[in-house]
Amino acid sequence: MLISNAYAQAAGGAEGGGLMSFIPLILMFVVLYFVMIRPQMKRQKELRNMLDALAVGDEVVTVGGLMGRITTLKDHYITVELLPGTEVKMQKSSVTAVLPKGTLKEI
């Protein structure tokens, strides 16, 4: 015969077992948790607390960049007075920040 049979050889470097091969994967998940997942959960919690603490008279900034004072507050909707006599009804979740009192002087 011109072609000899080829047999599989045992891998010499894989003597560590199954746990050693999963350590890099576990380490990557731990790093991912502390770098990406945990800070995002913290930001979501802070945003939820801010939205729950909204009150009539608070000065807010919306996602679209509108600044105004809250005049009416309901479960999921708020009414924001942008200028005297100009009110806009929007979703509560569109508020991105609460401004310090007295920031908007012209309203």
C-alpha atoms as a PDB file:
ATOM      1  CA  MET A   1       0.000   0.000   0.000  1.00  0.00           C
ATOM      2  CA  LEU A   2       1.247   3.411  -0.854  1.00  0.00           C
ATOM      3  CA  ILE A   3      -0.774   5.375   1.714  1.00  0.00           C
ATOM      4  CA  SER A   4      -0.351   4.628   5.411  1.00  0.00           C
ATOM      5  CA  ASN A   5      -3.239   4.891   7.865  1.00  0.00           C
ATOM      6  CA  ALA A   6      -3.408   8.055   9.975  1.00  0.00           C
ATOM      7  CA  TYR A   7      -4.465   7.704  13.583  1.00  0.00           C
ATOM      8  CA  ALA A   8      -5.566  10.486  15.928  1.00  0.00           C
ATOM      9  CA  GLN A   9      -3.161  11.377  18.641  1.00  0.00           C
ATOM     10  CA  ALA A  10      -4.104  12.487  22.150  1.00  0.00           C
ATOM     11  CA  ALA A  11      -3.708  16.217  22.723  1.00  0.00           C
ATOM     12  CA  GLY A  12      -0.752  16.814  24.976  1.00  0.00           C
ATOM     13  CA  GLY A  13      -1.791  20.261  26.315  1.00  0.00           C
ATOM     14  CA  ALA A  14      -5.392  19.453  27.339  1.00  0.00           C
ATOM     15  CA  GLU A  15      -4.651  17.724  30.602  1.00  0.00           C
ATOM     16  CA  GLY A  16      -6.220  20.544  32.704  1.00  0.00           C
ATOM     17  CA  GLY A  17      -9.737  19.179  32.440  1.00  0.00           C
ATOM     18  CA  GLY A  18     -13.048  20.832  31.658  1.00  0.00           C
ATOM     19  CA  LEU A  19     -12.933  23.577  34.298  1.00  0.00           C
ATOM     20  CA  MET A  20      -9.683  25.062  33.015  1.00  0.00           C
ATOM     21  CA  SER A  21     -11.181  25.573  29.570  1.00  0.00           C
ATOM     22  CA  PHE A  22     -14.147  27.524  31.029  1.00  0.00           C
ATOM     23  CA  ILE A  23     -12.085  29.930  33.181  1.00  0.00           C
ATOM     24  CA  PRO A  24     -11.458  32.454  30.343  1.00  0.00           C
ATOM     25  CA  LEU A  25     -15.176  32.445  29.465  1.00  0.00           C
ATOM     26  CA  ILE A  26     -16.171  32.989  33.104  1.00  0.00           C
ATOM     27  CA  LEU A  27     -13.559  35.742  33.462  1.00  0.00           C
ATOM     28  CA  MET A  28     -14.880  37.528  30.347  1.00  0.00           C
ATOM     29  CA  PHE A  29     -18.456  37.402  31.714  1.00  0.00           C
ATOM     30  CA  VAL A  30     -17.342  38.869  35.062  1.00  0.00           C
ATOM     31  CA  VAL A  31     -15.523  41.728  33.321  1.00  0.00           C
ATOM     32  CA  LEU A  32     -18.544  42.330  31.061  1.00  0.00           C
ATOM     33  CA  TYR A  33     -20.828  42.477  34.094  1.00  0.00           C
ATOM     34  CA  PHE A  34     -18.749  45.058  35.948  1.00  0.00           C
ATOM     35  CA  VAL A  35     -17.919  47.180  32.881  1.00  0.00           C
ATOM     36  CA  MET A  36     -21.258  47.228  31.028  1.00  0.00           C
ATOM     37  CA  ILE A  37     -24.221  45.602  32.761  1.00  0.00           C
ATOM     38  CA  ARG A  38     -23.881  46.946  36.315  1.00  0.00           C
ATOM     39  CA  PRO A  39     -23.435  50.645  35.350  1.00  0.00           C
ATOM     40  CA  GLN A  40     -26.416  50.427  32.973  1.00  0.00           C
ATOM     41  CA  MET A  41     -28.627  48.972  35.717  1.00  0.00           C
ATOM     42  CA  LYS A  42     -27.499  51.777  38.050  1.00  0.00           C
ATOM     43  CA  ARG A  43     -28.409  54.441  35.446  1.00  0.00           C
ATOM     44  CA  GLN A  44     -31.837  52.861  34.916  1.00  0.00           C
ATOM     45  CA  LYS A  45     -32.490  52.846  38.653  1.00  0.00           C
ATOM     46  CA  GLU A  46     -31.494  56.525  38.985  1.00  0.00           C
ATOM     47  CA  LEU A  47     -33.767  57.475  36.053  1.00  0.00           C
ATOM     48  CA  ARG A  48     -36.689  55.524  37.545  1.00  0.00           C
ATOM     49  CA  ASN A  49     -36.193  57.253  40.926  1.00  0.00           C
ATOM     50  CA  MET A  50     -36.039  60.676  39.223  1.00  0.00           C
ATOM     51  CA  LEU A  51     -39.278  60.025  37.306  1.00  0.00           C
ATOM     52  CA  ASP A  52     -41.028  58.809  40.462  1.00  0.00           C
ATOM     53  CA  ALA A  53     -39.944  61.961  42.327  1.00  0.00           C
ATOM     54  CA  LEU A  54     -41.317  64.423  39.748  1.00  0.00           C
ATOM     55  CA  ALA A  55     -43.716  66.994  41.204  1.00  0.00           C
ATOM     56  CA  VAL A  56     -45.771  69.923  39.969  1.00  0.00           C
ATOM     57  CA  GLY A  57     -43.549  72.992  39.713  1.00  0.00           C
ATOM     58  CA  ASP A  58     -40.347  71.094  38.883  1.00  0.00           C
ATOM     59  CA  GLU A  59     -38.304  72.532  36.034  1.00  0.00           C
ATOM     60  CA  VAL A  60     -37.350  69.813  33.555  1.00  0.00           C
ATOM     61  CA  VAL A  61     -35.518  69.146  30.296  1.00  0.00           C
ATOM     62  CA  THR A  62     -37.066  66.704  27.807  1.00  0.00           C
ATOM     63  CA  VAL A  63     -35.492  64.336  25.297  1.00  0.00           C
ATOM     64  CA  GLY A  64     -36.130  66.873  22.525  1.00  0.00           C
ATOM     65  CA  GLY A  65     -34.335  69.627  24.440  1.00  0.00           C
ATOM     66  CA  LEU A  66     -37.452  71.512  25.542  1.00  0.00           C
ATOM     67  CA  MET A  67     -37.190  73.185  28.936  1.00  0.00           C
ATOM     68  CA  GLY A  68     -40.213  74.026  31.015  1.00  0.00           C
ATOM     69  CA  ARG A  69     -42.100  73.762  34.287  1.00  0.00           C
ATOM     70  CA  ILE A  70     -44.453  70.874  35.111  1.00  0.00           C
ATOM     71  CA  THR A  71     -48.039  72.084  35.565  1.00  0.00           C
ATOM     72  CA  THR A  72     -49.983  68.803  35.595  1.00  0.00           C
ATOM     73  CA  LEU A  73     -48.755  65.386  36.655  1.00  0.00           C
ATOM     74  CA  LYS A  74     -50.581  62.109  35.972  1.00  0.00           C
ATOM     75  CA  ASP A  75     -49.522  58.453  35.980  1.00  0.00           C
ATOM     76  CA  HIS A  76     -47.802  58.319  32.594  1.00  0.00           C
ATOM     77  CA  TYR A  77     -48.288  61.856  31.248  1.00  0.00           C
ATOM     78  CA  ILE A  78     -47.215  65.328  32.294  1.00  0.00           C
ATOM     79  CA  THR A  79     -48.064  68.801  31.057  1.00  0.00           C
ATOM     80  CA  VAL A  80     -45.090  71.115  30.707  1.00  0.00           C
ATOM     81  CA  GLU A  81     -45.426  74.897  30.411  1.00  0.00           C
ATOM     82  CA  LEU A  82     -42.767  76.081  27.973  1.00  0.00           C
ATOM     83  CA  LEU A  83     -43.752  79.770  27.939  1.00  0.00           C
ATOM     84  CA  PRO A  84     -46.615  81.549  29.684  1.00  0.00           C
ATOM     85  CA  GLY A  85     -49.741  80.249  27.976  1.00  0.00           C
ATOM     86  CA  THR A  86     -47.921  77.516  26.014  1.00  0.00           C
ATOM     87  CA  GLU A  87     -48.373  74.036  27.458  1.00  0.00           C
ATOM     88  CA  VAL A  88     -47.367  70.704  25.975  1.00  0.00           C
ATOM     89  CA  LYS A  89     -48.639  67.299  27.081  1.00  0.00           C
ATOM     90  CA  MET A  90     -46.016  64.554  26.875  1.00  0.00           C
ATOM     91  CA  GLN A  91     -45.043  61.213  28.311  1.00  0.00           C
ATOM     92  CA  LYS A  92     -43.355  61.162  31.676  1.00  0.00           C
ATOM     93  CA  SER A  93     -40.531  59.039  30.265  1.00  0.00           C
ATOM     94  CA  SER A  94     -39.485  61.864  27.927  1.00  0.00           C
ATOM     95  CA  VAL A  95     -38.006  63.808  30.862  1.00  0.00           C
ATOM     96  CA  THR A  96     -34.226  63.471  30.922  1.00  0.00           C
ATOM     97  CA  ALA A  97     -33.247  65.846  33.727  1.00  0.00           C
ATOM     98  CA  VAL A  98     -34.709  67.926  36.528  1.00  0.00           C
ATOM     99  CA  LEU A  99     -33.222  71.417  36.686  1.00  0.00           C
ATOM    100  CA  PRO A 100     -32.484  73.279  39.929  1.00  0.00           C
ATOM    101  CA  LYS A 101     -35.270  75.578  41.110  1.00  0.00           C
ATOM    102  CA  GLY A 102     -35.086  79.047  39.578  1.00  0.00           C
ATOM    103  CA  THR A 103     -33.237  78.011  36.419  1.00  0.00           C
ATOM    104  CA  LEU A 104     -36.099  79.121  34.191  1.00  0.00           C
ATOM    105  CA  LYS A 105     -36.776  82.735  35.161  1.00  0.00           C
ATOM    106  CA  GLU A 106     -38.943  83.797  32.228  1.00  0.00           C
ATOM    107  CA  ILE A 107     -41.812  81.425  33.066  1.00  0.00           C
END
